[in-house]
């Protein structure tokens, strides 16, 4: 869904999702994060991949840091600022309203 909506390739989508999960993990309770991560196939592996590939090399303190991390995937502005809202929208469209609300609260 994100590939079509944003014109990203599979590697970019996986990297962007992994970085987003790393960002929100520090801001959610364990239960809320676990609920959110369950909706994303292979969430743990995706988060490990973004760290191993150097996409996320330090704590992501704000959405600006998250969006900057996407530049290593070839996702620059203004597209980088559209990724997290697109994930929120996709969660809602697929019926994951609780998870959508959890993520929307974190990304502002």
PDB file of N, CA and C in Angstrom:
ATOM      1  N   UNK A   1       0.823  -1.188   0.000  1.00  0.00           N
ATOM      2  CA  UNK A   1       0.000   0.000   0.000  1.00  0.00           C
ATOM      3  C   UNK A   1       0.873   1.260   0.000  1.00  0.00           C
ATOM      4  N   UNK A   2       1.915   1.275   0.842  1.00  0.00           N
ATOM      5  CA  UNK A   2       2.790   2.452   0.897  1.00  0.00           C
ATOM      6  C   UNK A   2       3.613   2.591  -0.378  1.00  0.00           C
ATOM      7  N   UNK A   3       3.975   1.476  -0.975  1.00  0.00           N
ATOM      8  CA  UNK A   3       4.727   1.537  -2.223  1.00  0.00           C
ATOM      9  C   UNK A   3       3.906   2.274  -3.282  1.00  0.00           C
ATOM     10  N   UNK A   4       2.659   1.903  -3.416  1.00  0.00           N
ATOM     11  CA  UNK A   4       1.804   2.524  -4.427  1.00  0.00           C
ATOM     12  C   UNK A   4       1.491   3.974  -4.078  1.00  0.00           C
ATOM     13  N   UNK A   5       1.143   4.226  -2.841  1.00  0.00           N
ATOM     14  CA  UNK A   5       0.711   5.561  -2.435  1.00  0.00           C
ATOM     15  C   UNK A   5       1.841   6.588  -2.528  1.00  0.00           C
ATOM     16  N   UNK A   6       3.055   6.186  -2.143  1.00  0.00           N
ATOM     17  CA  UNK A   6       4.163   7.138  -2.080  1.00  0.00           C
ATOM     18  C   UNK A   6       5.203   6.952  -3.182  1.00  0.00           C
ATOM     19  N   UNK A   7       5.052   5.902  -3.979  1.00  0.00           N
ATOM     20  CA  UNK A   7       6.008   5.670  -5.050  1.00  0.00           C
ATOM     21  C   UNK A   7       7.356   5.172  -4.548  1.00  0.00           C
ATOM     22  N   UNK A   8       7.342   4.428  -3.450  1.00  0.00           N
ATOM     23  CA  UNK A   8       8.577   3.907  -2.871  1.00  0.00           C
ATOM     24  C   UNK A   8       8.776   2.466  -3.291  1.00  0.00           C
ATOM     25  N   UNK A   9      10.028   2.012  -3.249  1.00  0.00           N
ATOM     26  CA  UNK A   9      10.276   0.593  -3.504  1.00  0.00           C
ATOM     27  C   UNK A   9      10.203  -0.177  -2.185  1.00  0.00           C
ATOM     28  N   UNK A  10      10.268  -1.499  -2.277  1.00  0.00           N
ATOM     29  CA  UNK A  10      10.100  -2.344  -1.095  1.00  0.00           C
ATOM     30  C   UNK A  10      11.174  -2.074  -0.038  1.00  0.00           C
ATOM     31  N   UNK A  11      12.409  -1.872  -0.463  1.00  0.00           N
ATOM     32  CA  UNK A  11      13.504  -1.596   0.473  1.00  0.00           C
ATOM     33  C   UNK A  11      13.245  -0.282   1.217  1.00  0.00           C
ATOM     34  N   UNK A  12      12.775   0.719   0.502  1.00  0.00           N
ATOM     35  CA  UNK A  12      12.482   2.003   1.134  1.00  0.00           C
ATOM     36  C   UNK A  12      11.331   1.880   2.135  1.00  0.00           C
ATOM     37  N   UNK A  13      10.298   1.150   1.773  1.00  0.00           N
ATOM     38  CA  UNK A  13       9.161   0.972   2.678  1.00  0.00           C
ATOM     39  C   UNK A  13       9.589   0.239   3.947  1.00  0.00           C
ATOM     40  N   UNK A  14      10.340  -0.840   3.787  1.00  0.00           N
ATOM     41  CA  UNK A  14      10.802  -1.597   4.964  1.00  0.00           C
ATOM     42  C   UNK A  14      11.688  -0.724   5.849  1.00  0.00           C
ATOM     43  N   UNK A  15      12.584   0.036   5.249  1.00  0.00           N
ATOM     44  CA  UNK A  15      13.461   0.908   6.018  1.00  0.00           C
ATOM     45  C   UNK A  15      12.692   2.003   6.731  1.00  0.00           C
ATOM     46  N   UNK A  16      11.739   2.605   6.035  1.00  0.00           N
ATOM     47  CA  UNK A  16      10.941   3.675   6.637  1.00  0.00           C
ATOM     48  C   UNK A  16      10.091   3.143   7.787  1.00  0.00           C
ATOM     49  N   UNK A  17       9.505   1.960   7.605  1.00  0.00           N
ATOM     50  CA  UNK A  17       8.716   1.356   8.686  1.00  0.00           C
ATOM     51  C   UNK A  17       9.605   0.983   9.871  1.00  0.00           C
ATOM     52  N   UNK A  18      10.759   0.423   9.582  1.00  0.00           N
ATOM     53  CA  UNK A  18      11.678   0.050  10.658  1.00  0.00           C
ATOM     54  C   UNK A  18      12.117   1.248  11.463  1.00  0.00           C
ATOM     55  N   UNK A  19      12.477   2.322  10.787  1.00  0.00           N
ATOM     56  CA  UNK A  19      12.887   3.539  11.485  1.00  0.00           C
ATOM     57  C   UNK A  19      11.728   4.115  12.293  1.00  0.00           C
ATOM     58  N   UNK A  20      10.521   4.057  11.741  1.00  0.00           N
ATOM     59  CA  UNK A  20       9.351   4.559  12.463  1.00  0.00           C
ATOM     60  C   UNK A  20       9.102   3.732  13.720  1.00  0.00           C
ATOM     61  N   UNK A  21       9.265   2.426  13.617  1.00  0.00           N
ATOM     62  CA  UNK A  21       9.090   1.572  14.796  1.00  0.00           C
ATOM     63  C   UNK A  21      10.143   1.875  15.860  1.00  0.00           C
ATOM     64  N   UNK A  22      11.373   2.086  15.444  1.00  0.00           N
ATOM     65  CA  UNK A  22      12.429   2.449  16.397  1.00  0.00           C
ATOM     66  C   UNK A  22      12.060   3.755  17.098  1.00  0.00           C
ATOM     67  N   UNK A  23      11.572   4.721  16.336  1.00  0.00           N
ATOM     68  CA  UNK A  23      11.187   6.021  16.892  1.00  0.00           C
ATOM     69  C   UNK A  23      10.053   5.881  17.908  1.00  0.00           C
ATOM     70  N   UNK A  24       8.997   5.151  17.553  1.00  0.00           N
ATOM     71  CA  UNK A  24       7.838   5.096  18.451  1.00  0.00           C
ATOM     72  C   UNK A  24       8.046   4.162  19.636  1.00  0.00           C
ATOM     73  N   UNK A  25       8.946   3.199  19.517  1.00  0.00           N
ATOM     74  CA  UNK A  25       9.168   2.264  20.623  1.00  0.00           C
ATOM     75  C   UNK A  25       9.583   2.998  21.899  1.00  0.00           C
ATOM     76  N   UNK A  26      10.341   4.053  21.765  1.00  0.00           N
ATOM     77  CA  UNK A  26      10.797   4.817  22.923  1.00  0.00           C
ATOM     78  C   UNK A  26       9.702   5.698  23.515  1.00  0.00           C
ATOM     79  N   UNK A  27       8.599   5.855  22.812  1.00  0.00           N
ATOM     80  CA  UNK A  27       7.557   6.782  23.230  1.00  0.00           C
ATOM     81  C   UNK A  27       6.267   6.107  23.671  1.00  0.00           C
ATOM     82  N   UNK A  28       6.213   4.806  23.566  1.00  0.00           N
ATOM     83  CA  UNK A  28       5.000   4.069  23.911  1.00  0.00           C
ATOM     84  C   UNK A  28       5.231   3.125  25.081  1.00  0.00           C
ATOM     85  N   UNK A  29       4.137   2.768  25.743  1.00  0.00           N
ATOM     86  CA  UNK A  29       4.223   1.710  26.738  1.00  0.00           C
ATOM     87  C   UNK A  29       4.528   0.412  25.993  1.00  0.00           C
ATOM     88  N   UNK A  30       5.044  -0.566  26.709  1.00  0.00           N
ATOM     89  CA  UNK A  30       5.367  -1.840  26.069  1.00  0.00           C
ATOM     90  C   UNK A  30       4.122  -2.439  25.423  1.00  0.00           C
ATOM     91  N   UNK A  31       2.994  -2.394  26.122  1.00  0.00           N
ATOM     92  CA  UNK A  31       1.754  -2.973  25.577  1.00  0.00           C
ATOM     93  C   UNK A  31       1.308  -2.267  24.306  1.00  0.00           C
ATOM     94  N   UNK A  32       1.317  -0.933  24.310  1.00  0.00           N
ATOM     95  CA  UNK A  32       0.914  -0.194  23.108  1.00  0.00           C
ATOM     96  C   UNK A  32       1.855  -0.490  21.943  1.00  0.00           C
ATOM     97  N   UNK A  33       3.161  -0.541  22.235  1.00  0.00           N
ATOM     98  CA  UNK A  33       4.107  -0.838  21.162  1.00  0.00           C
ATOM     99  C   UNK A  33       3.887  -2.250  20.626  1.00  0.00           C
ATOM    100  N   UNK A  34       3.699  -3.211  21.520  1.00  0.00           N
ATOM    101  CA  UNK A  34       3.477  -4.591  21.078  1.00  0.00           C
ATOM    102  C   UNK A  34       2.231  -4.692  20.207  1.00  0.00           C
ATOM    103  N   UNK A  35       1.167  -3.973  20.596  1.00  0.00           N
ATOM    104  CA  UNK A  35      -0.060  -3.988  19.796  1.00  0.00           C
ATOM    105  C   UNK A  35       0.195  -3.417  18.405  1.00  0.00           C
ATOM    106  N   UNK A  36       0.918  -2.313  18.349  1.00  0.00           N
ATOM    107  CA  UNK A  36       1.230  -1.684  17.069  1.00  0.00           C
ATOM    108  C   UNK A  36       2.125  -2.594  16.231  1.00  0.00           C
ATOM    109  N   UNK A  37       3.159  -3.144  16.836  1.00  0.00           N
ATOM    110  CA  UNK A  37       4.128  -3.979  16.109  1.00  0.00           C
ATOM    111  C   UNK A  37       3.473  -5.242  15.545  1.00  0.00           C
ATOM    112  N   UNK A  38       2.426  -5.739  16.199  1.00  0.00           N
ATOM    113  CA  UNK A  38       1.740  -6.940  15.704  1.00  0.00           C
ATOM    114  C   UNK A  38       1.110  -6.710  14.339  1.00  0.00           C
ATOM    115  N   UNK A  39       0.791  -5.468  14.007  1.00  0.00           N
ATOM    116  CA  UNK A  39       0.135  -5.185  12.726  1.00  0.00           C
ATOM    117  C   UNK A  39       1.137  -5.084  11.578  1.00  0.00           C
ATOM    118  N   UNK A  40       2.427  -5.089  11.900  1.00  0.00           N
ATOM    119  CA  UNK A  40       3.468  -4.958  10.873  1.00  0.00           C
ATOM    120  C   UNK A  40       4.255  -6.257  10.829  1.00  0.00           C
ATOM    121  N   UNK A  41       4.113  -7.013   9.735  1.00  0.00           N
ATOM    122  CA  UNK A  41       4.807  -8.300   9.641  1.00  0.00           C
ATOM    123  C   UNK A  41       6.321  -8.141   9.846  1.00  0.00           C
ATOM    124  N   UNK A  42       6.891  -9.023  10.657  1.00  0.00           N
ATOM    125  CA  UNK A  42       8.341  -9.059  10.909  1.00  0.00           C
ATOM    126  C   UNK A  42       8.888  -7.767  11.523  1.00  0.00           C
ATOM    127  N   UNK A  43       8.113  -7.116  12.377  1.00  0.00           N
ATOM    128  CA  UNK A  43       8.500  -5.823  12.951  1.00  0.00           C
ATOM    129  C   UNK A  43       9.862  -5.880  13.641  1.00  0.00           C
ATOM    130  N   UNK A  44      10.112  -6.906  14.446  1.00  0.00           N
ATOM    131  CA  UNK A  44      11.400  -6.982  15.148  1.00  0.00           C
ATOM    132  C   UNK A  44      12.564  -7.071  14.167  1.00  0.00           C
ATOM    133  N   UNK A  45      12.418  -7.903  13.154  1.00  0.00           N
ATOM    134  CA  UNK A  45      13.489  -8.061  12.162  1.00  0.00           C
ATOM    135  C   UNK A  45      13.703  -6.765  11.375  1.00  0.00           C
ATOM    136  N   UNK A  46      12.627  -6.079  11.062  1.00  0.00           N
ATOM    137  CA  UNK A  46      12.743  -4.820  10.320  1.00  0.00           C
ATOM    138  C   UNK A  46      13.502  -3.792  11.164  1.00  0.00           C
ATOM    139  N   UNK A  47      13.216  -3.724  12.465  1.00  0.00           N
ATOM    140  CA  UNK A  47      13.932  -2.777  13.329  1.00  0.00           C
ATOM    141  C   UNK A  47      15.410  -3.132  13.423  1.00  0.00           C
ATOM    142  N   UNK A  48      15.740  -4.407  13.518  1.00  0.00           N
ATOM    143  CA  UNK A  48      17.139  -4.819  13.550  1.00  0.00           C
ATOM    144  C   UNK A  48      17.842  -4.458  12.244  1.00  0.00           C
ATOM    145  N   UNK A  49      17.154  -4.652  11.134  1.00  0.00           N
ATOM    146  CA  UNK A  49      17.735  -4.348   9.818  1.00  0.00           C
ATOM    147  C   UNK A  49      18.116  -2.885   9.690  1.00  0.00           C
ATOM    148  N   UNK A  50      17.238  -1.970  10.152  1.00  0.00           N
ATOM    149  CA  UNK A  50      17.552  -0.546   9.968  1.00  0.00           C
ATOM    150  C   UNK A  50      18.751  -0.129  10.807  1.00  0.00           C
ATOM    151  N   UNK A  51      18.953  -0.800  11.917  1.00  0.00           N
ATOM    152  CA  UNK A  51      20.136  -0.494  12.729  1.00  0.00           C
ATOM    153  C   UNK A  51      21.390  -1.087  12.084  1.00  0.00           C
ATOM    154  N   UNK A  52      21.295  -2.331  11.621  1.00  0.00           N
ATOM    155  CA  UNK A  52      22.449  -2.980  10.999  1.00  0.00           C
ATOM    156  C   UNK A  52      22.862  -2.306   9.698  1.00  0.00           C
ATOM    157  N   UNK A  53      21.897  -1.798   8.951  1.00  0.00           N
ATOM    158  CA  UNK A  53      22.195  -1.159   7.662  1.00  0.00           C
ATOM    159  C   UNK A  53      22.595   0.308   7.825  1.00  0.00           C
ATOM    160  N   UNK A  54      22.578   0.819   9.057  1.00  0.00           N
ATOM    161  CA  UNK A  54      23.007   2.190   9.290  1.00  0.00           C
ATOM    162  C   UNK A  54      21.964   3.249   8.975  1.00  0.00           C
ATOM    163  N   UNK A  55      20.715   2.836   8.826  1.00  0.00           N
ATOM    164  CA  UNK A  55      19.640   3.801   8.586  1.00  0.00           C
ATOM    165  C   UNK A  55      19.357   4.567   9.874  1.00  0.00           C
ATOM    166  N   UNK A  56      19.324   3.827  10.986  1.00  0.00           N
ATOM    167  CA  UNK A  56      19.183   4.441  12.305  1.00  0.00           C
ATOM    168  C   UNK A  56      20.480   4.174  13.055  1.00  0.00           C
ATOM    169  N   UNK A  57      21.217   5.241  13.323  1.00  0.00           N
ATOM    170  CA  UNK A  57      22.529   5.100  13.963  1.00  0.00           C
ATOM    171  C   UNK A  57      22.575   5.740  15.346  1.00  0.00           C
ATOM    172  N   UNK A  58      21.491   6.406  15.721  1.00  0.00           N
ATOM    173  CA  UNK A  58      21.443   7.079  17.025  1.00  0.00           C
ATOM    174  C   UNK A  58      19.978   7.203  17.425  1.00  0.00           C
ATOM    175  N   UNK A  59      19.716   7.625  18.662  1.00  0.00           N
ATOM    176  CA  UNK A  59      18.312   7.802  19.047  1.00  0.00           C
ATOM    177  C   UNK A  59      17.619   8.831  18.150  1.00  0.00           C
ATOM    178  N   UNK A  60      16.374   8.561  17.843  1.00  0.00           N
ATOM    179  CA  UNK A  60      15.570   9.486  17.042  1.00  0.00           C
ATOM    180  C   UNK A  60      14.724  10.293  18.021  1.00  0.00           C
ATOM    181  N   UNK A  61      15.161  11.513  18.306  1.00  0.00           N
ATOM    182  CA  UNK A  61      14.546  12.311  19.356  1.00  0.00           C
ATOM    183  C   UNK A  61      13.260  13.003  18.943  1.00  0.00           C
ATOM    184  N   UNK A  62      13.055  13.193  17.648  1.00  0.00           N
ATOM    185  CA  UNK A  62      11.833  13.859  17.196  1.00  0.00           C
ATOM    186  C   UNK A  62      11.556  13.438  15.755  1.00  0.00           C
ATOM    187  N   UNK A  63      10.442  13.909  15.227  1.00  0.00           N
ATOM    188  CA  UNK A  63      10.070  13.512  13.862  1.00  0.00           C
ATOM    189  C   UNK A  63      11.098  14.028  12.845  1.00  0.00           C
ATOM    190  N   UNK A  64      11.729  15.132  13.126  1.00  0.00           N
ATOM    191  CA  UNK A  64      12.779  15.631  12.235  1.00  0.00           C
ATOM    192  C   UNK A  64      13.929  14.644  12.128  1.00  0.00           C
ATOM    193  N   UNK A  65      14.315  14.049  13.263  1.00  0.00           N
ATOM    194  CA  UNK A  65      15.369  13.028  13.244  1.00  0.00           C
ATOM    195  C   UNK A  65      14.926  11.813  12.433  1.00  0.00           C
ATOM    196  N   UNK A  66      13.666  11.423  12.614  1.00  0.00           N
ATOM    197  CA  UNK A  66      13.134  10.287  11.848  1.00  0.00           C
ATOM    198  C   UNK A  66      13.198  10.586  10.355  1.00  0.00           C
ATOM    199  N   UNK A  67      12.700  11.749   9.973  1.00  0.00           N
ATOM    200  CA  UNK A  67      12.673  12.104   8.564  1.00  0.00           C
ATOM    201  C   UNK A  67      14.084  12.227   7.991  1.00  0.00           C
ATOM    202  N   UNK A  68      15.037  12.700   8.784  1.00  0.00           N
ATOM    203  CA  UNK A  68      16.428  12.771   8.328  1.00  0.00           C
ATOM    204  C   UNK A  68      17.008  11.377   8.099  1.00  0.00           C
ATOM    205  N   UNK A  69      16.631  10.424   8.957  1.00  0.00           N
ATOM    206  CA  UNK A  69      17.111   9.051   8.795  1.00  0.00           C
ATOM    207  C   UNK A  69      16.662   8.475   7.453  1.00  0.00           C
ATOM    208  N   UNK A  70      15.523   8.915   6.961  1.00  0.00           N
ATOM    209  CA  UNK A  70      15.015   8.395   5.695  1.00  0.00           C
ATOM    210  C   UNK A  70      15.864   8.819   4.506  1.00  0.00           C
ATOM    211  N   UNK A  71      16.656   9.868   4.664  1.00  0.00           N
ATOM    212  CA  UNK A  71      17.486  10.331   3.545  1.00  0.00           C
ATOM    213  C   UNK A  71      18.479   9.257   3.107  1.00  0.00           C
ATOM    214  N   UNK A  72      18.914   8.401   4.047  1.00  0.00           N
ATOM    215  CA  UNK A  72      19.833   7.331   3.664  1.00  0.00           C
ATOM    216  C   UNK A  72      19.150   6.276   2.792  1.00  0.00           C
ATOM    217  N   UNK A  73      17.821   6.331   2.734  1.00  0.00           N
ATOM    218  CA  UNK A  73      17.059   5.433   1.865  1.00  0.00           C
ATOM    219  C   UNK A  73      16.702   6.100   0.543  1.00  0.00           C
ATOM    220  N   UNK A  74      17.171   7.334   0.371  1.00  0.00           N
ATOM    221  CA  UNK A  74      16.824   8.074  -0.835  1.00  0.00           C
ATOM    222  C   UNK A  74      15.453   8.722  -0.756  1.00  0.00           C
ATOM    223  N   UNK A  75      14.945   8.884   0.464  1.00  0.00           N
ATOM    224  CA  UNK A  75      13.651   9.530   0.668  1.00  0.00           C
ATOM    225  C   UNK A  75      13.912  10.903   1.270  1.00  0.00           C
ATOM    226  N   UNK A  76      13.833  11.915   0.446  1.00  0.00           N
ATOM    227  CA  UNK A  76      14.054  13.279   0.915  1.00  0.00           C
ATOM    228  C   UNK A  76      12.736  14.004   1.110  1.00  0.00           C
ATOM    229  N   UNK A  77      12.849  15.265   1.457  1.00  0.00           N
ATOM    230  CA  UNK A  77      11.654  16.090   1.611  1.00  0.00           C
ATOM    231  C   UNK A  77      11.150  16.504   0.235  1.00  0.00           C
ATOM    232  N   UNK A  78       9.878  16.695   0.041  1.00  0.00           N
ATOM    233  CA  UNK A  78       8.813  16.654   1.044  1.00  0.00           C
ATOM    234  C   UNK A  78       8.270  15.256   1.309  1.00  0.00           C
ATOM    235  N   UNK A  79       8.753  14.251   0.583  1.00  0.00           N
ATOM    236  CA  UNK A  79       8.216  12.891   0.727  1.00  0.00           C
ATOM    237  C   UNK A  79       8.425  12.328   2.131  1.00  0.00           C
ATOM    238  N   UNK A  80       9.569  12.603   2.746  1.00  0.00           N
ATOM    239  CA  UNK A  80       9.862  12.047   4.070  1.00  0.00           C
ATOM    240  C   UNK A  80       8.796  12.435   5.091  1.00  0.00           C
ATOM    241  N   UNK A  81       8.279  13.641   4.994  1.00  0.00           N
ATOM    242  CA  UNK A  81       7.273  14.079   5.970  1.00  0.00           C
ATOM    243  C   UNK A  81       5.903  13.463   5.698  1.00  0.00           C
ATOM    244  N   UNK A  82       5.754  12.770   4.590  1.00  0.00           N
ATOM    245  CA  UNK A  82       4.476  12.131   4.255  1.00  0.00           C
ATOM    246  C   UNK A  82       4.421  10.661   4.672  1.00  0.00           C
ATOM    247  N   UNK A  83       5.569  10.080   5.018  1.00  0.00           N
ATOM    248  CA  UNK A  83       5.615   8.642   5.280  1.00  0.00           C
ATOM    249  C   UNK A  83       4.826   8.266   6.532  1.00  0.00           C
ATOM    250  N   UNK A  84       5.124   8.882   7.679  1.00  0.00           N
ATOM    251  CA  UNK A  84       4.433   8.516   8.921  1.00  0.00           C
ATOM    252  C   UNK A  84       2.924   8.748   8.823  1.00  0.00           C
ATOM    253  N   UNK A  85       2.456   9.893   8.304  1.00  0.00           N
ATOM    254  CA  UNK A  85       1.002  10.052   8.148  1.00  0.00           C
ATOM    255  C   UNK A  85       0.380   9.008   7.216  1.00  0.00           C
ATOM    256  N   UNK A  86       1.128   8.577   6.202  1.00  0.00           N
ATOM    257  CA  UNK A  86       0.619   7.539   5.302  1.00  0.00           C
ATOM    258  C   UNK A  86       0.475   6.203   6.023  1.00  0.00           C
ATOM    259  N   UNK A  87       1.381   5.911   6.952  1.00  0.00           N
ATOM    260  CA  UNK A  87       1.280   4.683   7.743  1.00  0.00           C
ATOM    261  C   UNK A  87       0.040   4.761   8.635  1.00  0.00           C
ATOM    262  N   UNK A  88      -0.186   5.916   9.256  1.00  0.00           N
ATOM    263  CA  UNK A  88      -1.381   6.108  10.092  1.00  0.00           C
ATOM    264  C   UNK A  88      -2.640   5.863   9.256  1.00  0.00           C
ATOM    265  N   UNK A  89      -2.683   6.460   8.086  1.00  0.00           N
ATOM    266  CA  UNK A  89      -3.839   6.314   7.214  1.00  0.00           C
ATOM    267  C   UNK A  89      -4.032   4.855   6.797  1.00  0.00           C
ATOM    268  N   UNK A  90      -2.947   4.183   6.459  1.00  0.00           N
ATOM    269  CA  UNK A  90      -3.032   2.781   6.034  1.00  0.00           C
ATOM    270  C   UNK A  90      -3.559   1.898   7.160  1.00  0.00           C
ATOM    271  N   UNK A  91      -3.133   2.157   8.394  1.00  0.00           N
ATOM    272  CA  UNK A  91      -3.639   1.377   9.525  1.00  0.00           C
ATOM    273  C   UNK A  91      -5.147   1.549   9.651  1.00  0.00           C
ATOM    274  N   UNK A  92      -5.613   2.772   9.520  1.00  0.00           N
ATOM    275  CA  UNK A  92      -7.049   3.017   9.605  1.00  0.00           C
ATOM    276  C   UNK A  92      -7.814   2.345   8.484  1.00  0.00           C
ATOM    277  N   UNK A  93      -7.272   2.408   7.278  1.00  0.00           N
ATOM    278  CA  UNK A  93      -7.948   1.819   6.119  1.00  0.00           C
ATOM    279  C   UNK A  93      -8.014   0.302   6.190  1.00  0.00           C
ATOM    280  N   UNK A  94      -7.102  -0.303   6.919  1.00  0.00           N
ATOM    281  CA  UNK A  94      -7.099  -1.762   7.028  1.00  0.00           C
ATOM    282  C   UNK A  94      -7.802  -2.244   8.296  1.00  0.00           C
ATOM    283  N   UNK A  95      -8.489  -1.330   8.981  1.00  0.00           N
ATOM    284  CA  UNK A  95      -9.285  -1.712  10.144  1.00  0.00           C
ATOM    285  C   UNK A  95      -8.547  -1.750  11.460  1.00  0.00           C
ATOM    286  N   UNK A  96      -7.319  -1.292  11.493  1.00  0.00           N
ATOM    287  CA  UNK A  96      -6.530  -1.288  12.729  1.00  0.00           C
ATOM    288  C   UNK A  96      -6.662   0.081  13.408  1.00  0.00           C
ATOM    289  N   UNK A  97      -7.869   0.390  13.856  1.00  0.00           N
ATOM    290  CA  UNK A  97      -8.128   1.735  14.376  1.00  0.00           C
ATOM    291  C   UNK A  97      -7.414   2.002  15.696  1.00  0.00           C
ATOM    292  N   UNK A  98      -7.319   1.015  16.563  1.00  0.00           N
ATOM    293  CA  UNK A  98      -6.606   1.233  17.832  1.00  0.00           C
ATOM    294  C   UNK A  98      -5.130   1.533  17.559  1.00  0.00           C
ATOM    295  N   UNK A  99      -4.524   0.746  16.690  1.00  0.00           N
ATOM    296  CA  UNK A  99      -3.125   0.947  16.344  1.00  0.00           C
ATOM    297  C   UNK A  99      -2.930   2.283  15.630  1.00  0.00           C
ATOM    298  N   UNK A 100      -3.871   2.638  14.766  1.00  0.00           N
ATOM    299  CA  UNK A 100      -3.815   3.945  14.096  1.00  0.00           C
ATOM    300  C   UNK A 100      -3.796   5.066  15.131  1.00  0.00           C
ATOM    301  N   UNK A 101      -4.676   4.961  16.124  1.00  0.00           N
ATOM    302  CA  UNK A 101      -4.760   6.004  17.141  1.00  0.00           C
ATOM    303  C   UNK A 101      -3.493   6.070  17.999  1.00  0.00           C
ATOM    304  N   UNK A 102      -2.902   4.916  18.300  1.00  0.00           N
ATOM    305  CA  UNK A 102      -1.663   4.873  19.066  1.00  0.00           C
ATOM    306  C   UNK A 102      -0.558   5.602  18.288  1.00  0.00           C
ATOM    307  N   UNK A 103      -0.409   5.271  17.018  1.00  0.00           N
ATOM    308  CA  UNK A 103       0.645   5.881  16.210  1.00  0.00           C
ATOM    309  C   UNK A 103       0.383   7.368  15.992  1.00  0.00           C
ATOM    310  N   UNK A 104      -0.846   7.735  15.728  1.00  0.00           N
ATOM    311  CA  UNK A 104      -1.181   9.140  15.493  1.00  0.00           C
ATOM    312  C   UNK A 104      -0.842   9.981  16.726  1.00  0.00           C
ATOM    313  N   UNK A 105      -1.070   9.434  17.896  1.00  0.00           N
ATOM    314  CA  UNK A 105      -0.767  10.158  19.147  1.00  0.00           C
ATOM    315  C   UNK A 105       0.732  10.429  19.270  1.00  0.00           C
ATOM    316  N   UNK A 106       1.553   9.508  18.833  1.00  0.00           N
ATOM    317  CA  UNK A 106       3.002   9.637  18.979  1.00  0.00           C
ATOM    318  C   UNK A 106       3.613  10.577  17.939  1.00  0.00           C
ATOM    319  N   UNK A 107       3.117  10.496  16.706  1.00  0.00           N
ATOM    320  CA  UNK A 107       3.752  11.308  15.671  1.00  0.00           C
ATOM    321  C   UNK A 107       3.202  12.731  15.613  1.00  0.00           C
ATOM    322  N   UNK A 108       2.159  12.989  16.409  1.00  0.00           N
ATOM    323  CA  UNK A 108       1.608  14.342  16.482  1.00  0.00           C
ATOM    324  C   UNK A 108       0.629  14.557  15.440  1.00  0.00           C
TER     325      UNK A 108
END
